[in-house]
Amino acid sequence: MVPPIDNPSEEPNPHLTHISREVHNAGMNCEISLNPRTPLEIIYPLLQTELIDMVDLLIVEPGFGGQLFQICVLNKIVALRAWIGQQEIVVEPRKKPQQQYPRT
């Protein structure tokens, strides 16, 4: 269970809640992914619904080659772990902080 925080951003997005519920009703797990620049707080209301089984944090902006690991994601990992306990967190892509994506 996700514990309450002092200042939740808002009610969960009704569309995301509906989709998440439909995924669960179909017998599947539901995952949500966040870009590095997306504030973690935006998904907090949805996490409180307990409809999200896994959070995927991207460490680079999708679609652009040559990017370095964005250190701001580390703070999100720490905050997310405090919010969701042992629920699964995935960090993608898996690479070392000094590595860059090859340009394609």
Protein backbone atom coordinates (compact mmCIF):
# COMPACT_ATOMS: atom_id res chain seq x y z
CA MET A 1 0.00 0.00 0.00
CA VAL A 2 1.25 3.46 -0.89
CA PRO A 3 1.39 5.68 2.20
CA PRO A 4 -0.10 9.18 1.99
CA ILE A 5 2.22 12.11 1.36
CA ASP A 6 1.77 15.63 2.67
CA ASN A 7 0.70 17.25 -0.58
CA PRO A 8 -0.66 14.89 -3.26
CA SER A 9 -0.84 16.64 -6.61
CA GLU A 10 -4.46 15.80 -7.47
CA GLU A 11 -6.94 13.02 -8.03
CA PRO A 12 -5.75 10.23 -10.31
CA ASN A 13 -6.28 10.80 -14.01
CA PRO A 14 -9.66 9.13 -14.72
CA HIS A 15 -8.48 7.81 -18.09
CA LEU A 16 -5.36 6.21 -16.64
CA THR A 17 -7.37 4.79 -13.77
CA HIS A 18 -9.90 3.29 -16.18
CA ILE A 19 -7.19 1.78 -18.39
CA SER A 20 -5.32 0.41 -15.38
CA ARG A 21 -8.49 -1.16 -14.03
CA GLU A 22 -9.26 -2.73 -17.43
CA VAL A 23 -5.74 -4.18 -17.59
CA HIS A 24 -6.20 -5.74 -14.14
CA ASN A 25 -9.67 -7.03 -15.02
CA ALA A 26 -8.11 -8.79 -18.01
CA GLY A 27 -5.76 -10.59 -15.61
CA MET A 28 -2.61 -8.68 -16.53
CA ASN A 29 -0.18 -6.54 -14.56
CA CYS A 30 -0.12 -2.83 -15.24
CA GLU A 31 3.08 -0.79 -15.62
CA ILE A 32 3.65 2.92 -16.03
CA SER A 33 6.77 4.54 -17.52
CA LEU A 34 8.16 8.00 -16.84
CA ASN A 35 10.58 10.10 -18.86
CA PRO A 36 13.40 11.72 -16.86
CA ARG A 37 11.78 15.18 -17.00
CA THR A 38 8.33 13.99 -15.88
CA PRO A 39 7.77 14.80 -12.19
CA LEU A 40 7.32 11.68 -10.10
CA GLU A 41 4.49 13.37 -8.21
CA ILE A 42 2.31 13.21 -11.30
CA ILE A 43 1.81 9.45 -10.87
CA TYR A 44 1.39 9.49 -7.09
CA PRO A 45 -2.44 9.65 -7.19
CA LEU A 46 -2.48 6.67 -9.55
CA LEU A 47 -0.09 4.74 -7.30
CA GLN A 48 -2.53 5.23 -4.42
CA THR A 49 -5.18 3.31 -6.38
CA GLU A 50 -2.92 0.23 -6.13
CA LEU A 51 -3.63 -0.50 -9.80
CA ILE A 52 0.02 -0.07 -10.85
CA ASP A 53 2.20 -3.15 -10.45
CA MET A 54 5.48 -1.71 -11.70
CA VAL A 55 7.03 1.68 -12.40
CA ASP A 56 9.56 2.02 -15.23
CA LEU A 57 11.88 5.02 -14.92
CA LEU A 58 13.70 6.01 -18.11
CA ILE A 59 17.20 7.36 -17.51
CA VAL A 60 17.40 9.17 -20.86
CA GLU A 61 14.87 10.96 -23.03
CA PRO A 62 13.56 8.50 -25.62
CA GLY A 63 14.44 8.99 -29.26
CA PHE A 64 17.72 10.87 -28.94
CA GLY A 65 21.14 9.21 -29.28
CA GLY A 66 24.32 10.17 -27.44
CA GLN A 67 22.70 10.93 -24.09
CA LEU A 68 24.35 10.50 -20.73
CA PHE A 69 22.65 8.96 -17.71
CA GLN A 70 20.46 11.65 -16.14
CA ILE A 71 21.38 11.80 -12.47
CA CYS A 72 17.98 13.34 -11.56
CA VAL A 73 16.52 9.84 -11.97
CA LEU A 74 18.45 8.67 -8.88
CA ASN A 75 16.40 11.02 -6.69
CA LYS A 76 13.23 9.62 -8.26
CA ILE A 77 14.31 6.08 -7.45
CA VAL A 78 14.86 6.99 -3.79
CA ALA A 79 11.52 8.82 -3.52
CA LEU A 80 9.64 6.09 -5.36
CA ARG A 81 11.12 3.37 -3.16
CA ALA A 82 9.92 5.29 -0.09
CA TRP A 83 6.42 5.55 -1.58
CA ILE A 84 5.92 2.01 -2.86
CA GLY A 85 8.13 -0.14 -0.64
CA GLN A 86 8.99 -3.44 -2.29
CA GLN A 87 6.84 -2.95 -5.39
CA GLU A 88 8.89 -3.38 -8.57
CA ILE A 89 10.87 -0.47 -10.01
CA VAL A 90 12.61 -0.87 -13.37
CA VAL A 91 15.24 1.57 -14.60
CA GLU A 92 15.83 1.65 -18.35
CA PRO A 93 17.94 1.40 -20.29
CA ARG A 94 20.33 -0.49 -18.10
CA LYS A 95 23.69 1.19 -18.52
CA LYS A 96 26.47 2.74 -16.47
CA PRO A 97 26.24 6.48 -15.68
CA GLN A 98 29.25 7.36 -17.87
CA GLN A 99 27.99 5.44 -20.90
CA GLN A 100 26.31 7.12 -23.84
CA TYR A 101 23.80 5.76 -26.27
CA PRO A 102 25.29 5.18 -29.71
CA ARG A 103 23.96 7.52 -32.35
CA THR A 104 21.91 5.76 -35.00
